[in-house]
Protein backbone atom coordinates (compact mmCIF):
# COMPACT_ATOMS: atom_id res chain seq x y z
CA MET A 1 101.91 82.90 135.50
CA SER A 2 104.36 83.38 138.25
CA THR A 3 103.15 85.51 141.23
CA GLU A 4 105.69 88.13 140.70
CA ASN A 5 104.27 88.76 137.12
CA LYS A 6 100.80 89.33 138.23
CA ALA A 7 101.10 92.77 139.34
CA GLY A 8 103.20 95.76 138.43
CA LEU A 9 104.09 97.14 135.04
CA ASP A 10 105.67 94.03 133.75
CA ALA A 11 102.34 92.38 134.14
CA LEU A 12 100.88 94.55 131.38
CA LEU A 13 101.10 93.46 127.60
CA THR A 14 103.52 94.81 125.09
CA PRO A 15 103.72 94.23 121.37
CA GLU A 16 107.31 93.12 121.58
CA GLU A 17 106.48 90.39 124.12
CA SER A 18 103.21 89.18 122.73
CA VAL A 19 102.22 86.28 120.50
CA LEU A 20 98.56 85.63 119.54
CA VAL A 21 97.00 82.41 118.92
CA LEU A 22 93.28 82.34 117.25
CA ILE A 23 91.75 79.11 117.70
CA ASP A 24 88.76 77.54 115.67
CA HIS A 25 86.66 80.58 114.76
CA GLN A 26 84.83 78.34 112.16
CA PRO A 27 81.17 77.66 111.10
CA PHE A 28 80.72 74.66 113.07
CA GLN A 29 81.85 76.30 116.44
CA PHE A 30 79.64 79.37 115.70
CA ALA A 31 76.63 77.19 115.22
CA ASN A 32 76.54 76.25 118.79
CA LEU A 33 77.86 79.50 120.37
CA ASN A 34 75.37 80.44 122.99
CA SER A 35 77.48 82.49 125.59
CA HIS A 36 77.55 85.53 123.56
CA GLU A 37 75.85 87.02 120.52
CA PRO A 38 77.84 85.40 117.59
CA THR A 39 78.02 88.68 115.66
CA MET A 40 79.80 90.31 118.64
CA VAL A 41 82.43 87.59 118.72
CA VAL A 42 82.76 87.78 114.98
CA ASN A 43 83.31 91.62 115.34
CA ASN A 44 85.79 91.16 118.45
CA VAL A 45 88.05 88.55 116.87
CA VAL A 46 88.32 90.40 113.48
CA GLY A 47 89.31 93.62 115.51
CA LEU A 48 91.74 91.73 117.60
CA ALA A 49 93.21 90.17 114.42
CA LYS A 50 93.54 93.80 112.82
CA ALA A 51 95.14 95.06 116.15
CA ALA A 52 97.60 92.21 116.06
CA LYS A 53 98.71 93.22 112.54
CA VAL A 54 99.04 96.86 113.46
CA PHE A 55 101.37 96.17 116.12
CA ASP A 56 103.35 93.55 114.37
CA VAL A 57 102.35 91.00 116.82
CA PRO A 58 103.05 87.36 115.44
CA THR A 59 99.55 85.58 114.95
CA ILE A 60 99.22 81.95 114.54
CA LEU A 61 95.83 80.81 113.12
CA THR A 62 94.50 77.29 113.77
CA THR A 63 91.40 75.28 112.86
CA VAL A 64 90.21 71.77 113.74
CA LEU A 65 89.04 69.53 111.11
CA GLU A 66 88.28 72.16 108.66
CA GLU A 67 87.14 69.74 106.17
CA ARG A 68 84.08 69.03 108.26
CA GLY A 69 83.94 72.01 110.61
CA GLY A 70 84.45 74.69 107.85
CA LEU A 71 87.05 77.10 106.97
CA LEU A 72 88.38 79.82 109.32
CA LEU A 73 86.21 82.89 109.49
CA GLN A 74 86.71 84.82 106.34
CA GLY A 75 87.21 88.21 108.37
CA VAL A 76 90.00 86.76 110.11
CA GLN A 77 91.71 85.19 107.19
CA ASP A 78 91.46 88.37 105.15
CA VAL A 79 93.79 90.10 107.85
CA PHE A 80 96.37 87.48 106.96
CA PRO A 81 95.79 86.34 103.51
CA GLU A 82 99.11 84.62 102.87
CA GLN A 83 98.83 82.50 106.19
CA LYS A 84 97.32 78.94 106.06
CA PRO A 85 95.73 77.99 109.25
CA ILE A 86 97.19 75.11 110.91
CA ASN A 87 94.40 72.51 110.70
CA ARG A 88 94.59 69.93 113.63
CA THR A 89 93.03 66.79 114.89
CA PHE A 90 93.84 67.42 118.35
CA ILE A 91 91.21 68.96 120.46
CA ASN A 92 93.83 70.70 122.61
CA THR A 93 95.79 72.87 120.32
CA TRP A 94 98.85 72.74 122.64
CA GLN A 95 99.24 69.19 121.93
CA ASP A 96 99.86 69.92 118.25
CA GLN A 97 103.61 70.19 117.90
CA ARG A 98 103.37 72.49 115.02
CA VAL A 99 101.45 75.06 116.91
CA VAL A 100 103.83 74.81 119.84
CA ASP A 101 106.91 75.19 117.66
CA ALA A 102 105.38 78.20 115.99
CA VAL A 103 104.69 79.83 119.17
CA LYS A 104 108.17 79.10 120.72
CA ALA A 105 109.84 80.29 117.35
CA THR A 106 108.75 83.77 118.19
CA GLY A 107 110.75 83.72 121.44
CA ARG A 108 107.83 85.50 123.23
CA LYS A 109 106.37 84.53 126.57
CA LYS A 110 103.21 86.57 126.54
CA LEU A 111 100.70 84.29 125.03
CA ILE A 112 97.40 85.61 123.99
CA ILE A 113 94.46 83.17 123.20
CA ALA A 114 91.01 83.50 121.67
CA GLY A 115 88.89 80.81 120.48
CA LEU A 116 85.73 78.77 120.23
CA TRP A 117 84.95 77.07 122.56
CA THR A 118 86.23 78.54 125.77
CA GLU A 119 85.54 75.38 127.89
CA ILE A 120 87.40 73.08 125.49
CA CYS A 121 89.64 74.65 122.86
CA VAL A 122 90.72 77.72 124.77
CA ALA A 123 91.02 76.13 128.33
CA MET A 124 92.91 73.17 127.49
CA PRO A 125 95.83 74.89 125.63
CA ALA A 126 95.76 78.01 128.22
CA ILE A 127 95.98 75.70 131.12
CA GLN A 128 98.74 73.47 129.61
CA ALA A 129 100.74 76.54 128.31
CA ALA A 130 100.50 78.39 131.64
CA GLY A 131 102.06 75.29 133.37
CA GLU A 132 104.99 75.40 130.78
CA GLY A 133 106.15 78.87 131.62
CA PHE A 134 104.06 81.03 129.41
CA GLU A 135 102.16 84.14 130.72
CA VAL A 136 98.83 83.33 129.24
CA PHE A 137 96.00 85.84 128.53
CA VAL A 138 92.76 84.77 127.28
CA VAL A 139 90.65 87.32 125.25
CA THR A 140 86.96 86.51 126.66
CA ASP A 141 84.97 88.61 124.29
CA ALA A 142 86.70 87.16 121.28
CA SER A 143 86.03 83.67 122.69
CA GLY A 144 82.76 81.84 123.42
CA GLY A 145 81.12 78.70 124.76
CA VAL A 146 78.13 76.62 124.16
CA SER A 147 76.56 78.20 127.22
CA LYS A 148 77.04 81.20 129.52
CA GLU A 149 77.77 78.75 132.32
CA ALA A 150 80.31 76.71 130.27
CA HIS A 151 82.04 79.96 129.18
CA ASP A 152 82.11 81.41 132.88
CA MET A 153 83.10 78.15 134.46
CA ALA A 154 86.02 77.77 131.84
CA VAL A 155 87.20 81.40 132.61
CA GLN A 156 87.04 80.59 136.42
CA ARG A 157 89.13 77.35 135.91
CA MET A 158 91.74 79.09 133.74
CA VAL A 159 92.05 81.98 136.37
CA GLN A 160 92.62 79.26 139.18
CA ALA A 161 95.60 77.99 136.91
CA GLY A 162 97.04 81.55 136.55
CA VAL A 163 95.59 82.58 133.30
CA VAL A 164 94.66 86.38 132.99
CA PRO A 165 91.16 87.03 131.37
CA ILE A 166 91.27 90.20 129.19
CA THR A 167 88.92 91.82 126.56
CA TRP A 168 90.16 92.64 123.13
CA LEU A 169 90.09 96.54 123.29
CA ALA A 170 92.06 96.16 126.62
CA VAL A 171 94.66 94.27 124.78
CA MET A 172 94.96 96.91 122.11
CA GLY A 173 95.14 99.58 124.81
CA GLU A 174 97.94 97.89 126.42
CA TRP A 175 99.91 97.49 123.14
CA GLN A 176 99.43 101.09 122.21
CA ARG A 177 100.01 102.36 125.92
CA ASP A 178 101.00 105.88 124.93
CA TRP A 179 99.11 108.16 122.47
CA ALA A 180 102.38 109.76 121.52
CA ARG A 181 103.24 106.38 119.75
CA GLU A 182 102.65 107.80 116.34
CA LYS A 183 103.61 104.86 114.41
CA THR A 184 100.67 102.73 115.45
CA ILE A 185 98.19 105.42 116.47
CA ALA A 186 96.47 105.74 113.06
CA GLY A 187 96.02 102.02 112.72
CA ALA A 188 94.74 101.65 116.21
CA ALA A 189 92.29 104.46 115.61
CA GLU A 190 91.02 102.82 112.41
CA VAL A 191 90.54 99.56 114.09
CA GLN A 192 88.72 101.20 116.80
CA ALA A 193 86.43 102.98 114.51
CA GLN A 194 85.65 99.81 112.60
CA HIS A 195 85.15 97.48 115.52
CA GLY A 196 85.00 99.46 118.76
CA GLY A 197 81.08 99.63 118.99
CA ALA A 198 80.03 102.77 120.78
CA SER A 199 83.51 103.60 121.43
CA GLY A 200 84.44 103.65 117.71
CA VAL A 201 81.16 105.88 117.10
CA ALA A 202 82.23 108.24 119.67
CA PHE A 203 85.70 108.54 118.10
CA ALA A 204 84.38 109.10 114.83
CA TRP A 205 82.25 111.72 116.28
CA GLU A 206 85.35 113.42 118.00
CA MET A 207 87.03 113.31 114.52
CA GLN A 208 83.99 115.11 113.00
CA LEU A 209 84.07 117.80 115.84
CA LEU A 210 87.80 118.37 115.43
CA ALA A 211 87.28 118.68 111.64
CA THR A 212 84.31 121.31 112.00
CA PRO A 213 85.16 124.74 111.77
CA THR A 214 84.19 127.08 114.69
CA GLY A 215 82.34 130.42 114.15
CA SER A 216 85.64 132.21 114.56
CA ASP A 217 87.32 129.84 112.04
CA ALA A 218 84.68 130.52 109.32
């Protein structure tokens, strides 16, 4: 990411400029995910995928050696039932021309990546794409590594390369940007209620209070 794009309004995400790549959320990778609680990563990546669908953000699904490492997480596949993940042999997703071509075909330059593991299958494409003119954002809580140190060191390395770390709810917040955007507010609220953890619980409570008659209304 160039220096002039690191700050200011243009540094924030918009649905119209974004493209999402989800990398290797597969059983084999989850089996050695130790930087985060695996169920949290499952929740967050499914929430991220659903948010991308709400905001019409092009999403590319990819797996590595799925015949041995397992199929893509069902919760993510269910969001895009018609899409067959690009199954790679390359460890570095950005070296698979099919993935690169799919990203470039969108014409979008804000590349959002989440995947397993952070230190390998996320860091490699993020660093390479950042060097090729993309503004790269890595969703750290929808990604994970084989240890906390591996994940943290990968994030530090990517930051040094100009990649921006971000969390999945922050991505959705930047895509929504204005609560007056009625086209997406219902979908965004549903995703938050389903996957937003305590924020989702609080939102459901707020909806309950708004729907509860007061003494003067009874």
